């Protein structure tokens, strides 16, 4: 059986759309109707006319799609597809945390469970987190969750004093400064681009810091240059397609 043809047939028969995150392997990205970051995927989920949304991503992404388009059937192919960042913020613990600070506006990064979103005043993505925090009056205290690294990046950029939940992404925390130095010595002409979920010592070395879509756009705008990418390797697939560059 030709799996690609069968998937295409079933999509047409059932009026389904496949949404995939940039972090997916190339084979999944190739079959998807749309590939994007958390913000782009959320927007596509909200506006699709398909009856079924097949979400090639992790659990919180499929939840978000259902929240934004509740009349649709949302299918998550692997129910065990979790996210270490989302898992680092248990709802009961976070509820107790926010109750201790009732005067704070609660801003959460979209990479969290539906239960955490329900405890939030505002949900942001890495693409719009800075703008959202900057829109909050300076005298208003803020809780930011669940990613402490993204929160610290926002603090550094805005000067706002936020109360951070101590959560993180194991993928972005796996990047060591020693490994990055080693890579940069090996490839001195390469520019470092990083996701704001990375730790501060990684971000301090980066030429560009941004969301996955932001990094892809930056690479496209500098297609003749070479890069060390400090995030999940899956975005390199989209970079190569958009920019026609080498490894």
C-alpha atoms as a PDB file:
ATOM      1  CA  UNK A   1       0.000   0.000   0.000  1.00  0.00           C
ATOM      2  CA  UNK A   2       1.195   3.491  -0.876  1.00  0.00           C
ATOM      3  CA  UNK A   3       0.707   5.219   2.467  1.00  0.00           C
ATOM      4  CA  UNK A   4       0.914   8.730   1.059  1.00  0.00           C
ATOM      5  CA  UNK A   5      -1.791   8.058  -1.532  1.00  0.00           C
ATOM      6  CA  UNK A   6      -3.969   6.357   1.068  1.00  0.00           C
ATOM      7  CA  UNK A   7      -3.629   9.310   3.434  1.00  0.00           C
ATOM      8  CA  UNK A   8      -4.537  11.699   0.632  1.00  0.00           C
ATOM      9  CA  UNK A   9      -7.570   9.570  -0.243  1.00  0.00           C
ATOM     10  CA  UNK A  10      -8.773   9.463   3.357  1.00  0.00           C
ATOM     11  CA  UNK A  11      -8.277  13.207   3.774  1.00  0.00           C
ATOM     12  CA  UNK A  12     -10.533  13.862   0.791  1.00  0.00           C
ATOM     13  CA  UNK A  13     -13.097  11.244   1.791  1.00  0.00           C
ATOM     14  CA  UNK A  14     -13.423  12.482   5.367  1.00  0.00           C
ATOM     15  CA  UNK A  15     -12.839  16.195   4.707  1.00  0.00           C
ATOM     16  CA  UNK A  16      -9.816  16.184   6.991  1.00  0.00           C
ATOM     17  CA  UNK A  17      -6.856  18.512   7.310  1.00  0.00           C
ATOM     18  CA  UNK A  18      -3.424  17.605   8.680  1.00  0.00           C
ATOM     19  CA  UNK A  19      -1.664  20.226  10.796  1.00  0.00           C
ATOM     20  CA  UNK A  20       1.959  19.570  11.748  1.00  0.00           C
ATOM     21  CA  UNK A  21       4.450  21.386  13.924  1.00  0.00           C
ATOM     22  CA  UNK A  22       7.826  22.425  12.526  1.00  0.00           C
ATOM     23  CA  UNK A  23       9.406  19.927  14.916  1.00  0.00           C
ATOM     24  CA  UNK A  24       7.960  16.933  13.063  1.00  0.00           C
ATOM     25  CA  UNK A  25      10.141  14.689  10.895  1.00  0.00           C
ATOM     26  CA  UNK A  26      10.317  15.561   7.163  1.00  0.00           C
ATOM     27  CA  UNK A  27       7.969  12.741   6.106  1.00  0.00           C
ATOM     28  CA  UNK A  28       5.194  14.112   8.315  1.00  0.00           C
ATOM     29  CA  UNK A  29       5.802  17.696   7.220  1.00  0.00           C
ATOM     30  CA  UNK A  30       5.596  16.617   3.565  1.00  0.00           C
ATOM     31  CA  UNK A  31       2.121  15.100   3.963  1.00  0.00           C
ATOM     32  CA  UNK A  32       0.728  17.947   6.075  1.00  0.00           C
ATOM     33  CA  UNK A  33      -1.597  20.611   4.700  1.00  0.00           C
ATOM     34  CA  UNK A  34      -0.005  23.195   6.951  1.00  0.00           C
ATOM     35  CA  UNK A  35       3.253  23.238   8.898  1.00  0.00           C
ATOM     36  CA  UNK A  36       3.802  25.933  11.490  1.00  0.00           C
ATOM     37  CA  UNK A  37       4.621  27.041  15.017  1.00  0.00           C
ATOM     38  CA  UNK A  38       2.182  27.212  17.929  1.00  0.00           C
ATOM     39  CA  UNK A  39       0.698  30.534  16.816  1.00  0.00           C
ATOM     40  CA  UNK A  40       0.308  29.587  13.162  1.00  0.00           C
ATOM     41  CA  UNK A  41      -1.165  26.195  13.994  1.00  0.00           C
ATOM     42  CA  UNK A  42      -3.656  27.777  16.390  1.00  0.00           C
ATOM     43  CA  UNK A  43      -4.754  30.221  13.701  1.00  0.00           C
ATOM     44  CA  UNK A  44      -5.169  27.454  11.114  1.00  0.00           C
ATOM     45  CA  UNK A  45      -7.122  25.310  13.576  1.00  0.00           C
ATOM     46  CA  UNK A  46      -9.482  28.205  14.272  1.00  0.00           C
ATOM     47  CA  UNK A  47     -10.193  28.994  10.627  1.00  0.00           C
ATOM     48  CA  UNK A  48     -10.299  25.582   8.918  1.00  0.00           C
ATOM     49  CA  UNK A  49     -13.474  24.394   7.185  1.00  0.00           C
ATOM     50  CA  UNK A  50     -12.441  20.746   7.466  1.00  0.00           C
ATOM     51  CA  UNK A  51     -14.617  18.407   9.539  1.00  0.00           C
ATOM     52  CA  UNK A  52     -11.614  16.651  11.052  1.00  0.00           C
ATOM     53  CA  UNK A  53      -8.325  18.136  12.248  1.00  0.00           C
ATOM     54  CA  UNK A  54      -5.510  15.602  12.407  1.00  0.00           C
ATOM     55  CA  UNK A  55      -2.873  17.166  14.622  1.00  0.00           C
ATOM     56  CA  UNK A  56       0.699  15.964  14.154  1.00  0.00           C
ATOM     57  CA  UNK A  57       1.963  17.477  17.364  1.00  0.00           C
ATOM     58  CA  UNK A  58       1.845  17.024  21.111  1.00  0.00           C
ATOM     59  CA  UNK A  59      -1.141  16.811  23.442  1.00  0.00           C
ATOM     60  CA  UNK A  60      -1.477  20.495  24.361  1.00  0.00           C
ATOM     61  CA  UNK A  61      -1.495  21.492  20.674  1.00  0.00           C
ATOM     62  CA  UNK A  62      -4.455  19.221  19.916  1.00  0.00           C
ATOM     63  CA  UNK A  63      -6.221  20.565  23.013  1.00  0.00           C
ATOM     64  CA  UNK A  64      -5.681  24.118  21.781  1.00  0.00           C
ATOM     65  CA  UNK A  65      -7.108  23.225  18.370  1.00  0.00           C
ATOM     66  CA  UNK A  66     -10.239  21.822  20.029  1.00  0.00           C
ATOM     67  CA  UNK A  67     -10.623  24.902  22.240  1.00  0.00           C
ATOM     68  CA  UNK A  68     -10.407  27.210  19.217  1.00  0.00           C
ATOM     69  CA  UNK A  69     -12.703  25.134  16.996  1.00  0.00           C
ATOM     70  CA  UNK A  70     -14.916  23.084  19.344  1.00  0.00           C
ATOM     71  CA  UNK A  71     -17.324  21.898  16.645  1.00  0.00           C
ATOM     72  CA  UNK A  72     -14.562  19.982  14.852  1.00  0.00           C
ATOM     73  CA  UNK A  73     -13.277  16.498  15.529  1.00  0.00           C
ATOM     74  CA  UNK A  74      -9.621  16.729  16.546  1.00  0.00           C
ATOM     75  CA  UNK A  75      -7.505  13.599  16.187  1.00  0.00           C
ATOM     76  CA  UNK A  76      -4.146  13.183  17.919  1.00  0.00           C
ATOM     77  CA  UNK A  77      -2.400  10.168  16.325  1.00  0.00           C
ATOM     78  CA  UNK A  78      -0.298   9.466  19.425  1.00  0.00           C
ATOM     79  CA  UNK A  79      -2.072  10.121  22.724  1.00  0.00           C
ATOM     80  CA  UNK A  80       1.253   9.700  24.520  1.00  0.00           C
ATOM     81  CA  UNK A  81       2.839  12.580  22.600  1.00  0.00           C
ATOM     82  CA  UNK A  82       3.601  14.780  25.566  1.00  0.00           C
ATOM     83  CA  UNK A  83       5.587  17.931  26.231  1.00  0.00           C
ATOM     84  CA  UNK A  84       8.091  18.180  29.071  1.00  0.00           C
ATOM     85  CA  UNK A  85       7.319  21.881  29.449  1.00  0.00           C
ATOM     86  CA  UNK A  86       3.573  21.319  29.788  1.00  0.00           C
ATOM     87  CA  UNK A  87       4.222  18.446  32.191  1.00  0.00           C
ATOM     88  CA  UNK A  88       6.373  20.709  34.372  1.00  0.00           C
ATOM     89  CA  UNK A  89       3.301  22.692  35.429  1.00  0.00           C
ATOM     90  CA  UNK A  90       0.748  20.446  37.220  1.00  0.00           C
ATOM     91  CA  UNK A  91      -2.663  22.190  37.399  1.00  0.00           C
ATOM     92  CA  UNK A  92      -3.220  21.622  41.125  1.00  0.00           C
ATOM     93  CA  UNK A  93       0.207  23.037  41.988  1.00  0.00           C
ATOM     94  CA  UNK A  94      -0.215  26.015  39.692  1.00  0.00           C
ATOM     95  CA  UNK A  95      -3.683  26.758  41.090  1.00  0.00           C
ATOM     96  CA  UNK A  96      -2.222  26.866  44.599  1.00  0.00           C
ATOM     97  CA  UNK A  97       0.605  29.101  43.366  1.00  0.00           C
ATOM     98  CA  UNK A  98      -1.723  31.643  41.751  1.00  0.00           C
ATOM     99  CA  UNK A  99      -3.975  31.735  44.824  1.00  0.00           C
ATOM    100  CA  UNK A 100      -1.003  32.967  46.839  1.00  0.00           C
ATOM    101  CA  UNK A 101      -0.698  35.947  44.475  1.00  0.00           C
ATOM    102  CA  UNK A 102      -4.289  37.045  43.744  1.00  0.00           C
ATOM    103  CA  UNK A 103      -3.266  40.539  42.632  1.00  0.00           C
ATOM    104  CA  UNK A 104      -1.108  39.225  39.767  1.00  0.00           C
ATOM    105  CA  UNK A 105      -2.155  38.990  36.121  1.00  0.00           C
ATOM    106  CA  UNK A 106      -1.511  35.398  35.039  1.00  0.00           C
ATOM    107  CA  UNK A 107       0.113  35.077  31.612  1.00  0.00           C
ATOM    108  CA  UNK A 108       0.820  31.585  30.337  1.00  0.00           C
ATOM    109  CA  UNK A 109       2.745  30.393  27.333  1.00  0.00           C
ATOM    110  CA  UNK A 110       0.563  28.359  24.959  1.00  0.00           C
ATOM    111  CA  UNK A 111       2.782  25.313  25.586  1.00  0.00           C
ATOM    112  CA  UNK A 112       0.691  24.214  28.554  1.00  0.00           C
ATOM    113  CA  UNK A 113      -2.341  22.062  29.272  1.00  0.00           C
ATOM    114  CA  UNK A 114      -5.960  23.160  28.899  1.00  0.00           C
ATOM    115  CA  UNK A 115      -6.245  23.123  32.696  1.00  0.00           C
ATOM    116  CA  UNK A 116      -3.431  25.677  32.972  1.00  0.00           C
ATOM    117  CA  UNK A 117      -4.966  27.847  30.242  1.00  0.00           C
ATOM    118  CA  UNK A 118      -8.213  27.849  32.247  1.00  0.00           C
ATOM    119  CA  UNK A 119      -6.307  29.300  35.218  1.00  0.00           C
ATOM    120  CA  UNK A 120      -4.844  32.086  33.075  1.00  0.00           C
ATOM    121  CA  UNK A 121      -5.859  35.642  32.294  1.00  0.00           C
ATOM    122  CA  UNK A 122      -3.884  35.710  29.044  1.00  0.00           C
ATOM    123  CA  UNK A 123      -2.344  32.976  26.873  1.00  0.00           C
ATOM    124  CA  UNK A 124       0.589  33.961  24.653  1.00  0.00           C
ATOM    125  CA  UNK A 125       2.974  32.382  22.165  1.00  0.00           C
ATOM    126  CA  UNK A 126       6.695  32.939  21.771  1.00  0.00           C
ATOM    127  CA  UNK A 127       5.824  35.155  18.781  1.00  0.00           C
ATOM    128  CA  UNK A 128       3.710  37.622  20.757  1.00  0.00           C
ATOM    129  CA  UNK A 129       4.834  37.193  24.390  1.00  0.00           C
ATOM    130  CA  UNK A 130       6.932  40.380  24.431  1.00  0.00           C
ATOM    131  CA  UNK A 131       4.121  42.529  23.033  1.00  0.00           C
ATOM    132  CA  UNK A 132       1.609  41.099  25.486  1.00  0.00           C
ATOM    133  CA  UNK A 133       3.800  41.726  28.520  1.00  0.00           C
ATOM    134  CA  UNK A 134       4.554  45.244  27.289  1.00  0.00           C
ATOM    135  CA  UNK A 135       0.807  45.909  27.004  1.00  0.00           C
ATOM    136  CA  UNK A 136       0.244  45.252  30.722  1.00  0.00           C
ATOM    137  CA  UNK A 137       0.400  48.427  32.875  1.00  0.00           C
ATOM    138  CA  UNK A 138       3.773  48.657  34.622  1.00  0.00           C
ATOM    139  CA  UNK A 139       2.191  48.840  38.055  1.00  0.00           C
ATOM    140  CA  UNK A 140       0.382  45.520  37.497  1.00  0.00           C
ATOM    141  CA  UNK A 141       2.299  42.495  38.850  1.00  0.00           C
ATOM    142  CA  UNK A 142       2.603  39.504  36.538  1.00  0.00           C
ATOM    143  CA  UNK A 143       2.905  35.750  36.950  1.00  0.00           C
ATOM    144  CA  UNK A 144       4.465  34.112  33.890  1.00  0.00           C
ATOM    145  CA  UNK A 145       4.283  30.359  33.343  1.00  0.00           C
ATOM    146  CA  UNK A 146       5.260  27.683  32.645  1.00  0.00           C
ATOM    147  CA  UNK A 147       8.638  28.380  30.973  1.00  0.00           C
ATOM    148  CA  UNK A 148      11.147  30.144  33.226  1.00  0.00           C
ATOM    149  CA  UNK A 149      13.610  30.608  30.349  1.00  0.00           C
ATOM    150  CA  UNK A 150      11.090  32.377  28.126  1.00  0.00           C
ATOM    151  CA  UNK A 151      10.015  34.371  31.171  1.00  0.00           C
ATOM    152  CA  UNK A 152      13.592  35.390  31.939  1.00  0.00           C
ATOM    153  CA  UNK A 153      14.116  36.403  28.307  1.00  0.00           C
ATOM    154  CA  UNK A 154      11.033  38.645  28.543  1.00  0.00           C
ATOM    155  CA  UNK A 155      12.307  40.146  31.806  1.00  0.00           C
ATOM    156  CA  UNK A 156      15.672  40.880  30.184  1.00  0.00           C
ATOM    157  CA  UNK A 157      14.027  42.487  27.155  1.00  0.00           C
ATOM    158  CA  UNK A 158      11.339  44.514  28.922  1.00  0.00           C
ATOM    159  CA  UNK A 159      12.767  45.206  32.363  1.00  0.00           C
ATOM    160  CA  UNK A 160       9.520  43.954  33.906  1.00  0.00           C
ATOM    161  CA  UNK A 161       9.723  42.203  37.266  1.00  0.00           C
ATOM    162  CA  UNK A 162       7.665  39.040  36.783  1.00  0.00           C
ATOM    163  CA  UNK A 163       7.053  36.097  39.068  1.00  0.00           C
ATOM    164  CA  UNK A 164       8.165  33.018  37.112  1.00  0.00           C
ATOM    165  CA  UNK A 165       6.937  29.450  37.359  1.00  0.00           C
ATOM    166  CA  UNK A 166       9.911  27.069  37.462  1.00  0.00           C
ATOM    167  CA  UNK A 167       9.194  25.037  34.322  1.00  0.00           C
ATOM    168  CA  UNK A 168      11.329  24.264  31.289  1.00  0.00           C
ATOM    169  CA  UNK A 169      11.678  22.321  28.043  1.00  0.00           C
ATOM    170  CA  UNK A 170      14.153  19.435  28.178  1.00  0.00           C
ATOM    171  CA  UNK A 171      15.030  19.892  24.497  1.00  0.00           C
ATOM    172  CA  UNK A 172      16.107  23.505  24.908  1.00  0.00           C
ATOM    173  CA  UNK A 173      17.840  22.857  28.216  1.00  0.00           C
ATOM    174  CA  UNK A 174      19.879  20.103  26.553  1.00  0.00           C
ATOM    175  CA  UNK A 175      21.970  22.702  24.727  1.00  0.00           C
ATOM    176  CA  UNK A 176      25.155  23.229  26.694  1.00  0.00           C
ATOM    177  CA  UNK A 177      27.343  26.285  26.316  1.00  0.00           C
ATOM    178  CA  UNK A 178      30.373  23.985  25.990  1.00  0.00           C
ATOM    179  CA  UNK A 179      28.780  22.196  23.027  1.00  0.00           C
ATOM    180  CA  UNK A 180      27.830  25.503  21.451  1.00  0.00           C
ATOM    181  CA  UNK A 181      31.394  26.812  21.829  1.00  0.00           C
ATOM    182  CA  UNK A 182      32.684  23.591  20.298  1.00  0.00           C
ATOM    183  CA  UNK A 183      30.336  23.966  17.321  1.00  0.00           C
ATOM    184  CA  UNK A 184      31.214  27.619  16.856  1.00  0.00           C
ATOM    185  CA  UNK A 185      34.927  26.819  16.863  1.00  0.00           C
ATOM    186  CA  UNK A 186      34.281  24.149  14.239  1.00  0.00           C
ATOM    187  CA  UNK A 187      32.022  26.424  12.179  1.00  0.00           C
ATOM    188  CA  UNK A 188      33.175  29.990  12.982  1.00  0.00           C
ATOM    189  CA  UNK A 189      31.380  31.474   9.979  1.00  0.00           C
ATOM    190  CA  UNK A 190      27.988  30.163  11.162  1.00  0.00           C
ATOM    191  CA  UNK A 191      25.561  32.491  12.950  1.00  0.00           C
ATOM    192  CA  UNK A 192      23.774  31.171  16.036  1.00  0.00           C
ATOM    193  CA  UNK A 193      19.986  31.446  16.100  1.00  0.00           C
ATOM    194  CA  UNK A 194      18.027  30.381  19.170  1.00  0.00           C
ATOM    195  CA  UNK A 195      14.528  29.961  20.568  1.00  0.00           C
ATOM    196  CA  UNK A 196      13.716  32.020  23.696  1.00  0.00           C
ATOM    197  CA  UNK A 197      12.939  28.776  25.549  1.00  0.00           C
ATOM    198  CA  UNK A 198      16.717  28.314  25.686  1.00  0.00           C
ATOM    199  CA  UNK A 199      18.698  29.239  28.783  1.00  0.00           C
ATOM    200  CA  UNK A 200      20.196  32.723  29.088  1.00  0.00           C
ATOM    201  CA  UNK A 201      23.783  31.593  28.456  1.00  0.00           C
ATOM    202  CA  UNK A 202      22.660  30.204  25.085  1.00  0.00           C
ATOM    203  CA  UNK A 203      20.664  33.311  24.179  1.00  0.00           C
ATOM    204  CA  UNK A 204      23.639  35.520  25.017  1.00  0.00           C
ATOM    205  CA  UNK A 205      25.575  33.905  22.151  1.00  0.00           C
ATOM    206  CA  UNK A 206      22.813  34.213  19.553  1.00  0.00           C
ATOM    207  CA  UNK A 207      22.733  36.547  16.582  1.00  0.00           C
ATOM    208  CA  UNK A 208      18.959  36.141  16.443  1.00  0.00           C
ATOM    209  CA  UNK A 209      16.410  35.056  19.078  1.00  0.00           C
ATOM    210  CA  UNK A 210      12.853  34.235  18.056  1.00  0.00           C
ATOM    211  CA  UNK A 211      10.009  31.788  17.682  1.00  0.00           C
ATOM    212  CA  UNK A 212      10.361  28.877  15.293  1.00  0.00           C
ATOM    213  CA  UNK A 213       8.631  30.846  12.533  1.00  0.00           C
ATOM    214  CA  UNK A 214      10.794  33.844  13.379  1.00  0.00           C
ATOM    215  CA  UNK A 215      13.970  31.783  13.027  1.00  0.00           C
ATOM    216  CA  UNK A 216      12.816  30.368   9.705  1.00  0.00           C
ATOM    217  CA  UNK A 217      12.062  33.850   8.393  1.00  0.00           C
ATOM    218  CA  UNK A 218      15.453  35.091   9.605  1.00  0.00           C
ATOM    219  CA  UNK A 219      17.214  32.273   7.757  1.00  0.00           C
ATOM    220  CA  UNK A 220      15.185  32.993   4.625  1.00  0.00           C
ATOM    221  CA  UNK A 221      16.164  36.663   4.786  1.00  0.00           C
ATOM    222  CA  UNK A 222      19.837  35.663   5.106  1.00  0.00           C
ATOM    223  CA  UNK A 223      19.765  32.667   2.768  1.00  0.00           C
ATOM    224  CA  UNK A 224      23.393  33.057   1.692  1.00  0.00           C
ATOM    225  CA  UNK A 225      24.682  32.678   5.239  1.00  0.00           C
ATOM    226  CA  UNK A 226      25.196  29.595   7.425  1.00  0.00           C
ATOM    227  CA  UNK A 227      23.642  28.838  10.791  1.00  0.00           C
ATOM    228  CA  UNK A 228      23.875  26.860  14.007  1.00  0.00           C
ATOM    229  CA  UNK A 229      20.264  26.280  15.080  1.00  0.00           C
ATOM    230  CA  UNK A 230      19.663  26.049  18.838  1.00  0.00           C
ATOM    231  CA  UNK A 231      16.245  24.423  18.851  1.00  0.00           C
ATOM    232  CA  UNK A 232      14.573  21.190  17.730  1.00  0.00           C
ATOM    233  CA  UNK A 233      16.172  19.986  14.482  1.00  0.00           C
ATOM    234  CA  UNK A 234      12.809  19.618  12.724  1.00  0.00           C
ATOM    235  CA  UNK A 235      12.712  23.296  11.761  1.00  0.00           C
ATOM    236  CA  UNK A 236      15.691  22.740   9.472  1.00  0.00           C
ATOM    237  CA  UNK A 237      13.338  20.906   7.087  1.00  0.00           C
ATOM    238  CA  UNK A 238      11.244  24.040   6.618  1.00  0.00           C
ATOM    239  CA  UNK A 239      14.354  26.226   6.435  1.00  0.00           C
ATOM    240  CA  UNK A 240      15.743  24.182   3.567  1.00  0.00           C
ATOM    241  CA  UNK A 241      12.427  24.225   1.696  1.00  0.00           C
ATOM    242  CA  UNK A 242      11.973  27.968   2.073  1.00  0.00           C
ATOM    243  CA  UNK A 243      15.569  28.954   1.596  1.00  0.00           C
ATOM    244  CA  UNK A 244      17.061  26.166  -0.519  1.00  0.00           C
ATOM    245  CA  UNK A 245      20.180  26.038   1.652  1.00  0.00           C
ATOM    246  CA  UNK A 246      22.569  23.266   2.569  1.00  0.00           C
ATOM    247  CA  UNK A 247      23.052  21.685   6.010  1.00  0.00           C
END
